[in-house]
Amino acid sequence: MPDHLDEELSQRQAELQEEAGTVTADLRLVQALSAVGEPMTVGSAALGLMVWRDRCSTITCARPSSSHSGCSGGQADQFPTGNAG
């Protein structure tokens, strides 16, 4: 791959990484998900391999229960919707 393409991909990845961090902060995802357990960013955002807009989390719970299952998805209506750009 030509060097200029490597640089373009690296720049795009950095922009997407920054955007994911901004969205996470703006939506207060960590605070919202912390009500259930300890949220952790996973996937391409965690690994610095972003090629499109994507934000994945997992939540570890000291005592997981079926009452936690899907609770963050059920509360998704508290977050604004729309295209980030």
N, C-alpha and C. Protein backbone atom coordinates (compact mmCIF):
# COMPACT_ATOMS: atom_id res chain seq x y z
N MET A 1 0.86 -1.18 0.00
CA MET A 1 0.00 0.00 0.00
C MET A 1 0.90 1.24 0.00
N PRO A 2 0.64 2.19 -0.87
CA PRO A 2 1.45 3.42 -0.91
C PRO A 2 1.38 4.17 0.42
N ASP A 3 2.48 4.83 0.76
CA ASP A 3 2.58 5.54 2.04
C ASP A 3 1.46 6.56 2.23
N HIS A 4 1.07 7.26 1.17
CA HIS A 4 0.03 8.29 1.34
C HIS A 4 -1.30 7.66 1.74
N LEU A 5 -1.58 6.43 1.31
CA LEU A 5 -2.81 5.75 1.72
C LEU A 5 -2.73 5.34 3.19
N ASP A 6 -1.56 4.88 3.62
CA ASP A 6 -1.37 4.56 5.04
C ASP A 6 -1.62 5.79 5.90
N GLU A 7 -1.12 6.92 5.46
CA GLU A 7 -1.29 8.17 6.22
C GLU A 7 -2.77 8.58 6.24
N GLU A 8 -3.45 8.44 5.10
CA GLU A 8 -4.88 8.78 5.05
C GLU A 8 -5.70 7.89 5.97
N LEU A 9 -5.40 6.59 5.95
CA LEU A 9 -6.12 5.66 6.82
C LEU A 9 -5.85 5.96 8.30
N SER A 10 -4.62 6.25 8.62
CA SER A 10 -4.26 6.58 10.01
C SER A 10 -4.97 7.86 10.45
N GLN A 11 -5.02 8.85 9.58
CA GLN A 11 -5.70 10.10 9.90
C GLN A 11 -7.20 9.87 10.10
N ARG A 12 -7.80 9.10 9.21
CA ARG A 12 -9.24 8.80 9.32
C ARG A 12 -9.53 8.04 10.60
N GLN A 13 -8.69 7.07 10.94
CA GLN A 13 -8.86 6.31 12.17
C GLN A 13 -8.79 7.24 13.37
N ALA A 14 -7.84 8.15 13.39
CA ALA A 14 -7.70 9.10 14.51
C ALA A 14 -8.93 9.99 14.62
N GLU A 15 -9.47 10.43 13.50
CA GLU A 15 -10.69 11.26 13.51
C GLU A 15 -11.88 10.48 14.06
N LEU A 16 -12.03 9.24 13.61
CA LEU A 16 -13.13 8.41 14.10
C LEU A 16 -12.97 8.11 15.59
N GLN A 17 -11.75 7.88 16.03
CA GLN A 17 -11.47 7.60 17.44
C GLN A 17 -11.85 8.81 18.29
N GLU A 18 -11.48 9.99 17.82
CA GLU A 18 -11.82 11.22 18.55
C GLU A 18 -13.34 11.42 18.58
N GLU A 19 -13.99 11.18 17.46
CA GLU A 19 -15.44 11.32 17.39
C GLU A 19 -16.13 10.36 18.35
N ALA A 20 -15.65 9.13 18.42
CA ALA A 20 -16.23 8.15 19.35
C ALA A 20 -16.09 8.62 20.79
N GLY A 21 -14.94 9.20 21.12
CA GLY A 21 -14.74 9.73 22.46
C GLY A 21 -15.66 10.90 22.76
N THR A 22 -15.87 11.75 21.78
CA THR A 22 -16.76 12.90 21.96
C THR A 22 -18.20 12.44 22.15
N VAL A 23 -18.65 11.49 21.34
CA VAL A 23 -20.01 10.97 21.46
C VAL A 23 -20.19 10.30 22.82
N THR A 24 -19.21 9.53 23.24
CA THR A 24 -19.27 8.87 24.54
C THR A 24 -19.43 9.89 25.66
N ALA A 25 -18.66 10.97 25.60
CA ALA A 25 -18.73 12.01 26.62
C ALA A 25 -20.05 12.78 26.53
N ASP A 26 -20.44 13.17 25.32
CA ASP A 26 -21.67 13.95 25.14
C ASP A 26 -22.91 13.20 25.63
N LEU A 27 -22.95 11.90 25.39
CA LEU A 27 -24.10 11.09 25.80
C LEU A 27 -23.98 10.57 27.23
N ARG A 28 -22.84 10.84 27.84
CA ARG A 28 -22.56 10.37 29.20
C ARG A 28 -22.79 8.87 29.32
N LEU A 29 -22.26 8.15 28.34
CA LEU A 29 -22.46 6.71 28.30
C LEU A 29 -21.85 6.00 29.51
N VAL A 30 -20.66 6.42 29.91
CA VAL A 30 -20.01 5.77 31.04
C VAL A 30 -20.86 5.91 32.29
N GLN A 31 -21.37 7.12 32.53
CA GLN A 31 -22.21 7.34 33.71
C GLN A 31 -23.49 6.51 33.63
N ALA A 32 -24.12 6.48 32.47
CA ALA A 32 -25.37 5.74 32.31
C ALA A 32 -25.15 4.24 32.49
N LEU A 33 -24.11 3.72 31.88
CA LEU A 33 -23.86 2.28 31.95
C LEU A 33 -23.32 1.86 33.31
N SER A 34 -22.72 2.79 34.03
CA SER A 34 -22.17 2.48 35.36
C SER A 34 -23.26 2.13 36.36
N ALA A 35 -24.49 2.47 36.07
CA ALA A 35 -25.60 2.11 36.95
C ALA A 35 -25.78 0.59 37.00
N VAL A 36 -25.29 -0.10 35.99
CA VAL A 36 -25.45 -1.55 35.90
C VAL A 36 -24.18 -2.28 36.32
N GLY A 37 -23.05 -1.72 35.99
CA GLY A 37 -21.77 -2.38 36.27
C GLY A 37 -20.63 -1.51 35.82
N GLU A 38 -19.52 -2.14 35.47
CA GLU A 38 -18.34 -1.41 35.02
C GLU A 38 -18.24 -1.47 33.50
N PRO A 39 -18.54 -0.34 32.82
CA PRO A 39 -18.50 -0.35 31.36
C PRO A 39 -17.06 -0.32 30.84
N MET A 40 -16.86 -0.98 29.71
CA MET A 40 -15.55 -0.99 29.08
C MET A 40 -15.74 -0.90 27.57
N THR A 41 -14.99 -0.02 26.94
CA THR A 41 -15.02 0.09 25.48
C THR A 41 -14.35 -1.14 24.90
N VAL A 42 -14.98 -1.72 23.89
CA VAL A 42 -14.43 -2.90 23.22
C VAL A 42 -14.48 -2.67 21.71
N GLY A 43 -13.94 -3.59 20.98
CA GLY A 43 -14.01 -3.53 19.52
C GLY A 43 -13.02 -2.55 18.92
N SER A 44 -13.37 -2.06 17.75
CA SER A 44 -12.43 -1.22 16.99
C SER A 44 -12.08 0.08 17.71
N ALA A 45 -13.01 0.64 18.46
CA ALA A 45 -12.72 1.87 19.20
C ALA A 45 -11.68 1.63 20.28
N ALA A 46 -11.71 0.47 20.90
CA ALA A 46 -10.74 0.14 21.94
C ALA A 46 -9.38 -0.20 21.36
N LEU A 47 -9.37 -0.77 20.17
CA LEU A 47 -8.13 -1.24 19.57
C LEU A 47 -7.47 -0.24 18.62
N GLY A 48 -8.15 0.88 18.38
CA GLY A 48 -7.59 1.86 17.45
C GLY A 48 -7.61 1.37 16.02
N LEU A 49 -8.67 0.64 15.65
CA LEU A 49 -8.79 0.08 14.30
C LEU A 49 -10.05 0.54 13.61
N MET A 50 -10.54 1.72 13.93
CA MET A 50 -11.81 2.18 13.39
C MET A 50 -11.71 2.53 11.92
N VAL A 51 -12.68 2.03 11.14
CA VAL A 51 -12.77 2.36 9.72
C VAL A 51 -14.13 2.96 9.40
N TRP A 52 -15.08 2.89 10.33
CA TRP A 52 -16.38 3.55 10.21
C TRP A 52 -16.88 3.86 11.60
N ARG A 53 -17.95 4.64 11.69
CA ARG A 53 -18.51 5.02 12.98
C ARG A 53 -19.06 3.79 13.68
N ASP A 54 -18.52 3.53 14.84
CA ASP A 54 -18.92 2.36 15.60
C ASP A 54 -18.48 2.58 17.04
N ARG A 55 -19.34 2.24 17.97
CA ARG A 55 -19.00 2.40 19.39
C ARG A 55 -19.59 1.23 20.14
N CYS A 56 -18.74 0.34 20.65
CA CYS A 56 -19.20 -0.86 21.35
C CYS A 56 -18.71 -0.84 22.78
N SER A 57 -19.55 -1.31 23.67
CA SER A 57 -19.20 -1.43 25.08
C SER A 57 -19.63 -2.78 25.59
N THR A 58 -18.97 -3.18 26.65
CA THR A 58 -19.43 -4.33 27.41
C THR A 58 -19.47 -3.87 28.87
N ILE A 59 -20.27 -4.52 29.66
CA ILE A 59 -20.41 -4.14 31.06
C ILE A 59 -20.16 -5.37 31.92
N THR A 60 -19.21 -5.26 32.83
CA THR A 60 -18.99 -6.34 33.76
C THR A 60 -19.73 -6.03 35.05
N CYS A 61 -20.38 -7.03 35.58
CA CYS A 61 -21.17 -6.88 36.80
C CYS A 61 -20.65 -7.85 37.85
N ALA A 62 -20.53 -7.37 39.08
CA ALA A 62 -20.08 -8.23 40.16
C ALA A 62 -21.07 -9.38 40.37
N ARG A 63 -22.34 -9.08 40.25
CA ARG A 63 -23.39 -10.08 40.43
C ARG A 63 -24.38 -9.96 39.27
N PRO A 64 -24.05 -10.53 38.13
CA PRO A 64 -24.97 -10.43 36.99
C PRO A 64 -26.31 -11.08 37.32
N SER A 65 -27.36 -10.51 36.80
CA SER A 65 -28.68 -11.10 36.97
C SER A 65 -29.50 -10.87 35.71
N SER A 66 -30.56 -11.63 35.58
CA SER A 66 -31.41 -11.48 34.40
C SER A 66 -32.09 -10.12 34.39
N SER A 67 -32.19 -9.47 35.53
CA SER A 67 -32.81 -8.14 35.56
C SER A 67 -31.93 -7.10 34.88
N HIS A 68 -30.63 -7.39 34.75
CA HIS A 68 -29.72 -6.47 34.06
C HIS A 68 -29.77 -6.66 32.55
N SER A 69 -30.24 -7.80 32.11
CA SER A 69 -30.21 -8.12 30.70
C SER A 69 -31.04 -7.12 29.90
N GLY A 70 -30.38 -6.44 28.97
CA GLY A 70 -31.07 -5.52 28.09
C GLY A 70 -31.47 -4.21 28.73
N CYS A 71 -31.07 -3.95 29.97
CA CYS A 71 -31.55 -2.72 30.60
C CYS A 71 -31.00 -1.48 29.93
N SER A 72 -29.74 -1.52 29.46
CA SER A 72 -29.24 -0.33 28.80
C SER A 72 -29.93 -0.12 27.46
N GLY A 73 -30.26 -1.21 26.77
CA GLY A 73 -31.01 -1.09 25.53
C GLY A 73 -32.41 -0.57 25.77
N GLY A 74 -33.00 -0.97 26.86
CA GLY A 74 -34.34 -0.51 27.21
C GLY A 74 -34.36 0.96 27.58
N GLN A 75 -33.20 1.48 27.97
CA GLN A 75 -33.11 2.89 28.34
C GLN A 75 -32.54 3.73 27.20
N ALA A 76 -32.42 3.15 26.03
CA ALA A 76 -31.80 3.85 24.90
C ALA A 76 -32.56 5.11 24.50
N ASP A 77 -33.85 5.18 24.83
CA ASP A 77 -34.62 6.35 24.44
C ASP A 77 -34.19 7.61 25.20
N GLN A 78 -33.36 7.46 26.21
CA GLN A 78 -32.86 8.64 26.92
C GLN A 78 -31.75 9.36 26.15
N PHE A 79 -31.20 8.70 25.13
CA PHE A 79 -30.12 9.28 24.35
C PHE A 79 -30.67 9.92 23.08
N PRO A 80 -30.14 11.10 22.72
CA PRO A 80 -30.60 11.72 21.47
C PRO A 80 -30.21 10.89 20.27
N THR A 81 -31.00 10.98 19.23
CA THR A 81 -30.70 10.24 18.01
C THR A 81 -30.34 11.22 16.91
N GLY A 82 -29.77 10.70 15.88
CA GLY A 82 -29.43 11.52 14.73
C GLY A 82 -28.08 11.13 14.19
N ASN A 83 -27.76 11.68 13.07
CA ASN A 83 -26.51 11.39 12.41
C ASN A 83 -25.44 12.29 12.98
N ALA A 84 -24.31 11.68 13.38
CA ALA A 84 -23.23 12.45 13.97
C ALA A 84 -22.45 13.26 12.94
N GLY A 85 -22.80 13.18 11.73
CA GLY A 85 -22.09 14.00 10.75
C GLY A 85 -22.19 13.40 9.44
